[in-house]
Protein backbone atom coordinates (compact mmCIF):
# COMPACT_ATOMS: atom_id res chain seq x y z
CA MET A 1 46.93 -46.25 5.11
CA GLY A 2 45.44 -43.10 3.64
CA VAL A 3 42.88 -40.80 5.24
CA TRP A 4 40.09 -41.76 2.84
CA THR A 5 40.74 -45.46 3.37
CA ARG A 6 40.63 -45.11 7.16
CA ALA A 7 37.42 -43.07 6.94
CA THR A 8 35.58 -45.59 4.75
CA LEU A 9 36.77 -48.53 6.87
CA TYR A 10 35.50 -46.85 10.05
CA ILE A 11 32.06 -46.28 8.49
CA LYS A 12 31.85 -49.95 7.41
CA ARG A 13 32.88 -51.24 10.84
CA ASN A 14 30.59 -48.91 12.86
CA LYS A 15 27.37 -49.15 10.91
CA ARG A 16 24.97 -48.57 13.83
CA ARG A 17 26.70 -45.42 14.98
CA CYS A 18 26.92 -44.10 11.43
CA LEU A 19 23.29 -44.97 10.72
CA LEU A 20 22.25 -42.95 13.78
CA LEU A 21 24.18 -39.92 12.52
CA LEU A 22 22.75 -40.48 9.01
CA LEU A 23 19.19 -40.51 10.38
CA ILE A 24 19.71 -37.32 12.36
CA LEU A 25 21.37 -35.50 9.46
CA THR A 26 18.63 -36.66 7.06
CA ILE A 27 15.88 -35.31 9.32
CA ILE A 28 17.70 -32.01 9.82
CA SER A 29 18.64 -31.50 6.18
CA SER A 30 15.18 -32.43 4.83
CA THR A 31 13.55 -30.02 7.29
CA LEU A 32 15.96 -27.28 6.24
CA MET A 33 15.27 -27.92 2.56
CA VAL A 34 11.53 -27.66 3.10
CA CYS A 35 11.97 -24.43 5.12
CA PHE A 36 14.22 -22.95 2.45
CA ALA A 37 11.70 -23.96 -0.23
CA VAL A 38 8.83 -22.33 1.68
CA TRP A 39 10.85 -19.16 2.20
CA ARG A 40 11.87 -19.05 -1.46
CA SER A 41 8.31 -19.61 -2.69
CA SER A 42 6.98 -16.88 -0.35
CA GLN A 43 9.56 -14.44 -1.74
CA ASP A 44 8.64 -15.41 -5.31
CA GLY A 45 4.96 -14.92 -4.43
CA ILE A 46 5.67 -11.49 -2.96
CA GLU A 47 7.53 -10.48 -6.12
CA GLU A 48 4.68 -11.76 -8.30
CA LEU A 49 2.14 -9.77 -6.24
CA ARG A 50 4.30 -6.67 -6.61
CA LYS A 51 4.25 -7.07 -10.38
CA THR A 52 0.49 -7.74 -10.44
CA TYR A 53 -0.82 -5.18 -7.95
CA GLY A 54 2.08 -2.75 -7.60
CA SER A 55 2.23 -1.70 -11.25
CA ASN A 56 0.37 1.63 -11.12
CA PHE A 57 0.50 5.04 -9.53
CA ASN A 58 -2.47 7.32 -8.87
CA MET A 59 -2.93 11.00 -9.55
CA GLU A 60 -5.55 13.07 -7.74
CA ILE A 61 -6.30 16.68 -6.90
CA ASN A 62 -4.43 17.85 -3.79
CA ASN A 63 -7.24 18.02 -1.21
CA ASN A 64 -5.29 20.01 1.38
CA PHE A 65 -7.97 22.61 2.09
CA GLU A 66 -5.57 24.60 4.26
CA ASP A 67 -3.49 25.43 1.18
CA SER A 68 -4.92 28.85 0.21
CA SER A 69 -3.10 28.75 -3.13
CA LEU A 70 -5.27 25.78 -4.16
CA TRP A 71 -8.51 26.20 -2.21
CA GLU A 72 -10.74 29.09 -1.19
CA SER A 73 -13.52 28.72 1.34
CA TYR A 74 -17.10 29.94 0.94
CA THR A 75 -20.51 29.38 2.51
CA ASP A 76 -22.77 27.04 0.60
CA PRO A 77 -25.96 29.04 -0.21
CA ILE A 78 -28.15 25.92 0.04
CA THR A 79 -26.89 24.17 3.16
CA GLY A 80 -25.17 27.11 4.84
CA ALA A 81 -22.13 24.93 5.54
CA GLU A 82 -18.54 25.92 4.88
CA SER A 83 -17.37 24.64 1.51
CA TYR A 84 -14.24 24.96 -0.59
CA ASN A 85 -13.67 25.92 -4.20
CA TYR A 86 -10.66 24.47 -6.00
CA LYS A 87 -8.57 26.97 -7.97
CA GLY A 88 -5.48 24.90 -8.78
CA THR A 89 -4.57 23.04 -11.98
CA ARG A 90 -7.41 20.83 -13.19
CA LEU A 91 -6.96 17.11 -13.75
CA ASN A 92 -7.92 17.03 -17.41
CA ASP A 93 -6.96 15.33 -20.66
CA ASP A 94 -4.14 17.82 -21.32
CA VAL A 95 -2.38 16.85 -18.08
CA ILE A 96 -3.04 13.14 -18.71
CA ASP A 97 -1.55 13.34 -22.22
CA LYS A 98 1.61 14.91 -20.83
CA VAL A 99 2.00 12.12 -18.27
CA MET A 100 1.34 9.44 -20.89
CA SER A 101 4.23 10.82 -22.95
CA VAL A 102 6.68 9.60 -20.30
CA LYS A 103 8.53 6.47 -21.36
CA GLY A 104 7.58 3.34 -19.38
CA ILE A 105 3.85 4.05 -18.96
CA LYS A 106 1.69 1.55 -20.83
CA ALA A 107 -1.95 2.30 -19.90
CA VAL A 108 -4.23 4.74 -18.14
CA CYS A 109 -7.57 4.43 -16.35
CA LYS A 110 -9.64 7.60 -15.81
CA GLU A 111 -12.17 7.82 -13.01
CA VAL A 112 -15.06 10.19 -12.40
CA GLU A 113 -18.19 9.89 -10.26
CA THR A 114 -21.69 11.30 -10.09
CA THR A 115 -25.14 10.56 -8.64
CA LEU A 116 -28.50 10.23 -10.39
CA TYR A 117 -32.04 9.45 -9.31
CA PHE A 118 -33.31 6.04 -10.53
CA GLY A 119 -37.03 6.09 -9.76
CA ASN A 120 -37.81 2.72 -11.34
CA LEU A 121 -34.89 0.85 -9.78
CA GLU A 122 -35.15 -1.06 -6.51
CA PHE A 123 -31.86 -0.80 -4.63
CA ILE A 124 -30.74 -2.95 -1.72
CA PRO A 125 -32.37 -1.03 1.17
CA GLY A 126 -30.28 0.85 3.72
CA LEU A 127 -30.55 3.90 5.96
CA HIS A 128 -32.53 6.07 3.53
CA ALA A 129 -35.09 3.31 2.95
CA SER A 130 -35.49 2.98 6.73
CA GLU A 131 -36.02 6.74 6.97
CA ALA A 132 -38.55 6.59 4.13
CA GLU A 133 -40.55 3.97 6.05
CA LEU A 134 -40.37 6.13 9.14
CA LYS A 135 -41.65 9.09 7.14
CA LYS A 136 -44.71 7.08 6.07
CA SER A 137 -45.62 6.20 9.66
CA ASP A 138 -44.70 9.61 11.11
CA PRO A 139 -44.81 12.27 8.37
CA GLN A 140 -45.03 15.12 10.88
CA SER A 141 -41.48 14.45 12.10
CA PHE A 142 -40.18 15.36 8.60
CA GLU A 143 -42.21 18.55 8.16
CA GLY A 144 -40.05 21.56 7.37
CA GLU A 145 -36.95 19.47 6.64
CA ALA A 146 -35.11 19.66 3.34
CA TYR A 147 -34.09 16.01 3.68
CA ASN A 148 -36.30 13.73 1.54
CA PRO A 149 -35.55 10.03 2.18
CA ASP A 150 -37.95 8.96 -0.60
CA VAL A 151 -35.55 10.53 -3.10
CA THR A 152 -32.24 9.67 -1.46
CA ALA A 153 -33.28 5.99 -1.21
CA LYS A 154 -33.39 5.98 -5.02
CA GLU A 155 -30.08 7.77 -5.59
CA GLY A 156 -27.65 5.66 -7.59
CA ARG A 157 -23.90 6.06 -7.26
CA LEU A 158 -22.33 5.97 -10.73
CA LEU A 159 -18.61 5.23 -10.94
CA GLY A 160 -17.27 6.21 -14.34
CA TYR A 161 -14.24 4.36 -15.73
CA SER A 162 -12.52 4.62 -19.08
CA ARG A 163 -11.49 0.95 -18.69
CA SER A 164 -13.44 -0.82 -15.98
CA GLU A 165 -11.19 -3.91 -15.95
CA LEU A 166 -8.37 -1.65 -14.66
CA SER A 167 -10.39 -0.33 -11.72
CA ASP A 168 -9.27 -1.37 -8.26
CA TYR A 169 -12.51 -3.28 -7.75
CA PHE A 170 -12.09 -5.62 -10.72
CA ARG A 171 -8.29 -5.72 -10.87
CA THR A 172 -8.12 -7.01 -7.30
CA ASN A 173 -11.00 -9.47 -7.81
CA SER A 174 -13.18 -7.71 -5.22
CA TYR A 175 -15.74 -7.56 -8.02
CA GLU A 176 -15.88 -10.18 -10.78
CA LEU A 177 -17.56 -9.82 -14.15
CA VAL A 178 -19.86 -12.84 -14.59
CA GLU A 179 -21.82 -11.79 -17.69
CA GLY A 180 -21.18 -9.48 -20.62
CA ARG A 181 -18.08 -7.35 -21.05
CA HIS A 182 -16.10 -4.54 -19.46
CA LEU A 183 -16.41 -0.85 -20.27
CA THR A 184 -13.99 0.71 -22.75
CA GLU A 185 -12.96 4.28 -23.51
CA GLN A 186 -15.07 4.19 -26.70
CA ASP A 187 -18.28 3.29 -24.83
CA LYS A 188 -21.10 5.76 -24.35
CA ASP A 189 -24.28 5.34 -22.27
CA LYS A 190 -23.19 1.85 -21.13
CA ILE A 191 -23.36 0.48 -17.60
CA LEU A 192 -22.41 -2.49 -15.39
CA ILE A 193 -24.64 -3.56 -12.48
CA SER A 194 -24.40 -6.29 -9.85
CA ASP A 195 -26.06 -9.68 -10.20
CA VAL A 196 -27.98 -8.98 -6.98
CA LEU A 197 -29.39 -5.74 -8.37
CA ALA A 198 -30.14 -7.38 -11.73
CA LYS A 199 -32.06 -10.21 -10.05
CA LYS A 200 -33.96 -7.86 -7.75
CA ASN A 201 -35.14 -5.76 -10.73
CA HIS A 202 -35.47 -8.60 -13.29
CA LEU A 203 -32.81 -7.06 -15.53
CA ALA A 204 -30.53 -8.73 -18.10
CA LEU A 205 -27.86 -7.82 -20.64
CA GLY A 206 -29.20 -5.43 -23.25
CA ASP A 207 -31.88 -3.95 -20.97
CA THR A 208 -31.87 -0.22 -20.24
CA ILE A 209 -32.27 1.71 -17.01
CA CYS A 210 -33.06 5.42 -16.77
CA GLY A 211 -31.49 7.91 -14.39
CA GLU A 212 -32.37 11.57 -13.98
CA GLN A 213 -31.06 14.77 -12.49
CA ASN A 214 -33.64 16.80 -10.59
CA LYS A 215 -33.90 19.95 -8.52
CA TYR A 216 -33.59 18.03 -5.26
CA LEU A 217 -30.17 16.60 -6.16
CA THR A 218 -28.84 19.98 -7.32
CA GLU A 219 -30.33 22.37 -4.76
CA LEU A 220 -32.57 20.34 -2.41
CA GLY A 221 -35.59 21.62 -4.36
CA ASP A 222 -38.62 19.89 -5.84
CA PRO A 223 -37.66 16.35 -6.97
CA SER A 224 -40.47 16.35 -9.55
CA GLU A 225 -38.66 19.07 -11.53
CA VAL A 226 -36.47 16.96 -13.80
CA ILE A 227 -33.46 18.74 -15.33
CA TYR A 228 -32.39 15.95 -17.67
CA LYS A 229 -32.63 12.21 -18.14
CA LYS A 230 -30.12 9.62 -19.29
CA GLU A 231 -30.70 6.03 -20.38
CA PHE A 232 -28.00 3.39 -19.87
CA GLU A 233 -27.67 0.04 -21.63
CA ILE A 234 -26.54 -2.87 -19.44
CA VAL A 235 -23.48 -4.44 -21.09
CA GLY A 236 -22.10 -6.33 -18.07
CA ILE A 237 -23.18 -7.93 -14.80
CA PHE A 238 -20.73 -8.42 -11.93
CA HIS A 239 -20.62 -10.38 -8.68
CA VAL A 240 -19.26 -8.95 -5.41
CA ASN A 241 -16.63 -11.33 -4.00
CA VAL A 242 -15.96 -9.52 -0.71
CA SER A 243 -18.10 -9.47 2.40
CA GLN A 244 -19.53 -6.25 3.80
CA VAL A 245 -21.21 -5.28 7.04
CA ILE A 246 -24.75 -4.06 6.25
CA SER A 247 -27.18 -2.74 8.85
CA GLU A 248 -29.95 -0.16 9.18
CA TYR A 249 -27.22 2.48 9.38
CA THR A 250 -25.64 1.64 6.01
CA LEU A 251 -26.26 4.20 3.28
CA GLU A 252 -27.64 2.78 0.04
CA GLU A 253 -24.80 4.32 -1.98
CA GLU A 254 -22.26 2.50 0.22
CA ILE A 255 -23.76 -0.98 -0.26
CA ALA A 256 -21.48 -2.96 -2.57
CA ALA A 257 -24.29 -4.56 -4.59
CA ASN A 258 -25.76 -1.10 -5.32
CA TYR A 259 -22.59 0.13 -7.03
CA MET A 260 -22.94 0.85 -10.74
CA PHE A 261 -20.08 1.33 -13.21
CA ALA A 262 -20.77 3.57 -16.18
CA ALA A 263 -18.86 4.69 -19.25
CA CYS A 264 -16.47 7.50 -18.32
CA SER A 265 -17.48 9.62 -21.32
CA THR A 266 -21.13 9.57 -20.25
CA ILE A 267 -20.36 10.57 -16.66
CA GLN A 268 -18.16 13.39 -18.02
CA GLU A 269 -21.07 14.55 -20.14
CA LEU A 270 -23.39 14.60 -17.12
CA ARG A 271 -20.81 16.36 -14.96
CA GLN A 272 -20.41 19.09 -17.60
CA LYS A 273 -24.19 19.57 -17.70
CA ASP A 274 -24.19 20.02 -13.91
CA ALA A 275 -21.31 22.49 -14.16
CA GLN A 276 -23.11 24.52 -16.85
CA LEU A 277 -26.16 24.78 -14.57
CA GLN A 278 -23.86 26.52 -12.11
CA GLY A 279 -22.40 28.75 -14.79
CA VAL A 280 -19.09 26.89 -14.93
CA ASN A 281 -17.44 25.36 -18.01
CA ASN A 282 -14.21 23.56 -17.13
CA GLY A 283 -14.34 20.90 -19.82
CA PRO A 284 -13.79 17.19 -19.06
CA LEU A 285 -12.31 16.79 -15.56
CA TYR A 286 -11.44 13.63 -13.63
CA ASP A 287 -11.54 12.70 -9.95
CA LYS A 288 -8.64 10.27 -10.18
CA VAL A 289 -6.36 8.82 -12.84
CA SER A 290 -4.34 5.59 -12.56
CA PHE A 291 -1.24 5.13 -14.71
CA PHE A 292 0.14 1.63 -15.29
CA VAL A 293 3.84 1.00 -15.93
CA TYR A 294 5.68 -1.80 -17.73
CA ASP A 295 8.27 -2.35 -14.99
CA PRO A 296 7.14 -1.85 -11.35
CA GLY A 297 10.81 -1.68 -10.33
CA LYS A 298 11.10 1.64 -12.18
CA MET A 299 7.97 3.14 -10.59
CA ASN A 300 9.76 5.78 -8.48
CA ASP A 301 11.97 6.85 -11.38
CA ILE A 302 8.93 7.29 -13.64
CA ILE A 303 7.08 9.34 -10.99
CA LYS A 304 10.16 11.53 -10.62
CA VAL A 305 10.22 12.17 -14.39
CA VAL A 306 6.47 12.95 -14.35
CA CYS A 307 6.92 15.56 -11.61
CA GLU A 308 9.58 17.28 -13.72
CA ILE A 309 7.30 17.81 -16.74
CA GLU A 310 7.13 21.52 -17.54
CA GLY A 311 3.92 23.47 -17.94
CA VAL A 312 2.05 21.84 -15.05
CA ASN A 313 1.77 23.00 -11.43
CA TRP A 314 2.48 19.66 -9.80
CA ASP A 315 1.71 21.07 -6.33
CA SER A 316 -1.93 20.87 -7.44
CA PHE A 317 -1.80 17.05 -7.47
CA LYS A 318 -1.07 14.11 -5.25
CA ILE A 319 0.96 11.47 -7.06
CA LYS A 320 1.87 8.24 -5.31
CA PRO A 321 2.27 4.52 -6.05
CA ASP A 322 -0.90 2.55 -5.44
CA ASP A 323 0.15 -0.28 -3.14
CA THR A 324 -3.09 -0.71 -1.16
CA ALA A 325 -4.10 -3.86 -3.05
CA TYR A 326 -0.53 -5.13 -2.92
CA GLN A 327 -0.29 -4.64 0.84
CA SER A 328 -3.70 -6.23 1.50
CA SER A 329 -2.68 -9.47 -0.24
CA LEU A 330 0.86 -9.48 1.11
CA LYS A 331 0.29 -10.49 4.74
CA PRO A 332 -0.17 -14.28 4.28
CA LEU A 333 3.08 -14.57 2.33
CA GLN A 334 4.89 -12.31 4.77
CA ASN A 335 3.74 -14.52 7.66
CA MET A 336 4.91 -17.62 5.80
CA SER A 337 8.29 -15.98 5.20
CA LYS A 338 8.66 -15.13 8.89
CA ILE A 339 7.66 -18.65 9.96
CA SER A 340 10.12 -20.27 7.55
CA ILE A 341 12.98 -18.00 8.69
CA PHE A 342 12.21 -18.86 12.32
CA MET A 343 12.16 -22.56 11.47
CA ILE A 344 15.50 -22.31 9.63
CA VAL A 345 17.15 -20.66 12.63
CA PHE A 346 15.49 -23.09 15.04
CA VAL A 347 16.57 -26.17 13.05
CA LEU A 348 20.14 -24.88 12.76
CA VAL A 349 20.32 -24.34 16.51
CA ILE A 350 18.99 -27.84 17.16
CA CYS A 351 21.43 -29.19 14.56
CA ILE A 352 24.40 -27.56 16.27
CA ILE A 353 23.32 -28.81 19.71
CA LEU A 354 22.80 -32.38 18.49
CA LEU A 355 26.07 -32.49 16.55
CA VAL A 356 28.02 -31.11 19.49
CA LEU A 357 26.59 -33.78 21.80
CA ILE A 358 26.98 -36.65 19.32
CA LEU A 359 30.43 -35.79 17.99
CA ARG A 360 31.88 -35.04 21.43
CA MET A 361 30.72 -38.47 22.58
CA TRP A 362 31.89 -40.00 19.30
CA VAL A 363 35.34 -38.45 19.50
CA GLY A 364 35.57 -39.22 23.21
CA THR A 365 35.16 -42.94 22.54
CA ARG A 366 38.00 -42.85 19.98
CA ARG A 367 40.81 -41.63 22.23
CA LYS A 368 42.69 -44.90 21.95
CA GLU A 369 42.48 -44.74 18.15
CA MET A 370 43.76 -41.15 18.11
CA GLY A 371 46.59 -41.96 20.53
CA ILE A 372 47.75 -44.90 18.40
CA LEU A 373 47.52 -42.89 15.18
CA LEU A 374 49.57 -40.09 16.70
CA SER A 375 52.16 -42.51 18.10
CA ILE A 376 52.78 -44.15 14.70
CA GLY A 377 53.39 -40.79 13.05
CA ASN A 378 50.05 -39.57 11.73
CA GLY A 379 49.60 -35.82 11.99
CA ARG A 380 46.87 -34.08 13.93
CA ARG A 381 45.47 -32.56 10.73
CA SER A 382 45.36 -36.00 9.14
CA ILE A 383 43.34 -37.42 12.05
CA ALA A 384 40.98 -34.44 12.16
CA GLY A 385 40.63 -34.71 8.38
CA GLN A 386 39.64 -38.36 8.74
CA PHE A 387 36.86 -37.48 11.20
CA LEU A 388 35.70 -34.68 8.92
CA ILE A 389 35.64 -36.95 5.85
CA GLU A 390 33.60 -39.53 7.77
CA GLY A 391 31.03 -36.89 8.67
CA LEU A 392 30.94 -35.41 5.17
CA LEU A 393 30.47 -38.84 3.56
CA ILE A 394 27.50 -39.50 5.83
CA LEU A 395 26.20 -35.98 5.20
CA ALA A 396 26.44 -36.49 1.41
CA ILE A 397 24.25 -39.59 1.64
CA SER A 398 21.77 -37.78 3.91
CA VAL A 399 21.56 -34.83 1.49
CA VAL A 400 20.65 -37.16 -1.39
CA LEU A 401 17.99 -38.88 0.71
CA SER A 402 16.71 -35.53 2.03
CA GLY A 403 16.51 -34.07 -1.46
CA ILE A 404 14.26 -36.93 -2.56
CA LEU A 405 12.13 -36.70 0.58
CA ALA A 406 11.84 -32.90 0.62
CA THR A 407 10.99 -32.75 -3.08
CA GLY A 408 8.02 -35.03 -2.48
CA VAL A 409 6.55 -33.17 0.51
CA SER A 410 7.62 -29.52 0.13
CA ASN A 411 4.73 -28.41 -2.09
CA GLY A 412 2.14 -30.04 0.14
CA ILE A 413 3.65 -28.56 3.30
CA GLY A 414 3.97 -25.09 1.74
CA ASN A 415 0.34 -24.99 0.63
CA TRP A 416 -0.79 -26.41 3.97
CA MET A 417 1.00 -23.55 5.73
CA LEU A 418 -0.53 -20.98 3.36
CA SER A 419 -4.00 -22.42 3.90
CA GLY A 420 -3.55 -22.18 7.66
CA VAL A 421 -2.38 -18.57 7.45
CA ASN A 422 -5.33 -17.66 5.18
CA GLN A 423 -7.83 -19.32 7.50
CA GLN A 424 -6.45 -17.35 10.41
CA GLY A 425 -6.84 -14.16 8.39
CA LYS A 426 -10.44 -15.00 7.51
CA LYS A 427 -11.31 -15.58 11.17
CA SER A 428 -9.89 -12.18 12.05
CA SER A 429 -11.92 -10.51 9.29
CA GLU A 430 -15.15 -12.22 10.36
CA LYS A 431 -14.84 -10.74 13.84
CA LEU A 432 -14.97 -7.22 12.40
CA GLY A 433 -18.58 -7.61 11.33
CA LYS A 434 -19.99 -8.57 14.72
CA ASP A 435 -21.58 -6.53 17.48
CA ILE A 436 -22.44 -3.38 15.54
CA GLN A 437 -22.97 -0.58 18.02
CA GLU A 438 -25.21 2.47 18.01
CA PRO A 439 -23.91 5.58 16.21
CA PRO A 440 -21.50 7.55 18.41
CA ALA A 441 -22.56 10.82 19.98
CA ALA A 442 -19.27 12.55 19.21
CA ALA A 443 -18.89 13.89 15.66
CA GLU A 444 -15.20 12.97 15.56
CA ASP A 445 -16.10 9.30 16.07
CA MET A 446 -18.64 9.21 13.23
CA GLN A 447 -16.06 8.64 10.49
CA ALA A 448 -14.72 5.52 12.21
CA PHE A 449 -18.30 4.31 12.76
CA ASN A 450 -19.24 4.76 9.08
CA GLN A 451 -16.05 3.09 7.89
CA GLN A 452 -17.16 -0.33 9.12
CA PHE A 453 -20.00 -0.32 6.57
CA GLN A 454 -17.91 0.72 3.58
CA ILE A 455 -16.65 -1.69 0.99
CA GLU A 456 -12.87 -1.67 0.55
CA SER A 457 -11.12 -2.85 -2.57
CA LYS A 458 -8.75 -5.62 -1.54
CA ALA A 459 -6.66 -7.93 -3.62
CA LYS A 460 -7.40 -11.61 -3.59
CA VAL A 461 -4.91 -13.34 -1.32
CA PRO A 462 -2.92 -16.17 -2.91
CA GLU A 463 -4.47 -19.56 -2.20
CA THR A 464 -1.70 -21.76 -3.62
CA ILE A 465 2.04 -21.45 -4.16
CA ASN A 466 4.65 -23.39 -6.11
CA CYS A 467 6.86 -24.67 -3.32
CA HIS A 468 9.57 -26.84 -4.85
CA VAL A 469 13.03 -27.93 -3.75
CA THR A 470 15.56 -26.80 -6.33
CA ILE A 471 19.17 -27.82 -6.96
CA LEU A 472 20.24 -24.50 -5.48
CA ILE A 473 18.33 -25.23 -2.27
CA ILE A 474 19.88 -28.71 -2.02
CA LEU A 475 23.39 -27.33 -2.58
CA GLY A 476 22.75 -24.48 -0.14
CA THR A 477 21.55 -26.87 2.55
CA ALA A 478 24.55 -29.13 1.97
CA GLY A 479 26.89 -26.14 2.23
CA VAL A 480 25.37 -24.85 5.47
CA LEU A 481 25.39 -28.27 7.14
CA SER A 482 28.93 -29.00 5.87
CA LEU A 483 30.14 -25.80 7.52
CA VAL A 484 28.36 -26.63 10.79
CA LEU A 485 29.66 -30.21 10.70
CA ALA A 486 33.23 -29.10 9.97
CA VAL A 487 33.32 -26.56 12.81
CA VAL A 488 31.78 -28.95 15.36
CA THR A 489 34.03 -31.86 14.30
CA ILE A 490 37.25 -29.84 14.42
CA LEU A 491 36.41 -28.27 17.77
CA SER A 492 35.42 -31.65 19.26
CA ALA A 493 38.64 -33.38 18.09
CA ARG A 494 40.87 -30.45 18.96
CA GLU A 495 40.48 -30.92 22.73
CA ILE A 496 42.05 -34.37 22.55
CA LEU A 497 44.46 -33.89 19.64
CA LYS A 498 46.25 -31.04 21.38
CA LEU A 499 47.52 -33.63 23.90
CA LYS A 500 50.58 -35.81 23.37
CA PRO A 501 50.10 -39.53 22.52
CA LYS A 502 51.18 -40.67 26.03
CA GLU A 503 48.76 -38.21 27.67
CA ILE A 504 45.91 -39.44 25.50
CA LEU A 505 46.64 -43.11 26.22
CA SER A 506 47.00 -42.38 29.96
CA LEU A 507 43.39 -41.13 29.97
CA LEU A 508 42.07 -44.57 28.97
């Protein structure tokens, strides 16, 4: 009688025992398939996030003030504080054009910032508004001070972008355009404001708002002396999707709903006017430039090529991949990946323990059968092969059943895990906004205190994933369990098969 025939006959005659092993293997293999599917989907999600949020590198002026080749210190004639004057290579259109000539770069977003006084605009009140109220009730306490909270409460922070949809705020969904359109490089005198600010001031698309530069903003002089004015047309209204801690200590310009995005060309124009007032004419300069690449995998190679472009002092700039948004959205998927890896290891350990216990008992009850088979001339490999075939036949059936079961539940389990991880992250974030303390006495602690009020651009974390059991996962699970089953079966049978037939039968 052949090995396959003996194996199939044994399974037919010992249905209860085989059904028990089938049930255990089905539970183990289906759990493994789900864990593998979750791990695979988390890795796919991480790769997708890398492509979405890890596709650009930033270029900024090197702000290492200790580098005397780039910065020279001087005393500000207005405030008397130590200031620094930059004397390195300027971040201008000439430098940007040279970078854009590098193969692999597909788009650029230029950034520049300024501040104007918006007398007719009601901002979300913060620290300056509180100081302005205090000044009304106690004007004597502000006598002789250059600080004028009535003016600073109306200062608007203008963020200039050549393409606003490529800014960190919109690209990561921290801000979402709900009306109108984004700013383009061809725009001039256009602006985006928040829905909160629009509602507070009864503004809509097509309306204009007027900002001005005055002596107070330039030299802490008389705010009634207007240097120039600029009108902006509202072409878009956005909604802030992220939460922010706001208290009486929050500066108006740091409140998310007070942010305003203006056409880059207009902000450049205003910056050049300010520079000319100081007797400087540097042409269009930028605070930061983001370059977007076709293939994120080639990011480091592209940066290396950029830094080798001749005619530019690259020590004047900081160039690095922008992975802040990528890292902020990565944690949920990383946690899922770690959990699934732990579960895979845990299930395999349990599988080995259960199979060792079951198969040792199984083989132990078949000593008489092994002794008889050996005595009639069957080889030890033939007997061990029979046991292995029995296990593999049962495993094959369990893999089919597990594949059907895991396919039906894997997506639900994967998204349930992701939802749980996201909820845990939200609870941690909510704790950050509680129990705001008084400002610290030590100057070195002030930066950390102010940071809790600032809005940070963070990518939207993934809320769903495609967690599916593939043929590769089914075959991989079958291969892993086949290997475990083979090793445990051979080791369990080996202890008895190494004995002679008479010795085996004498043990009965």
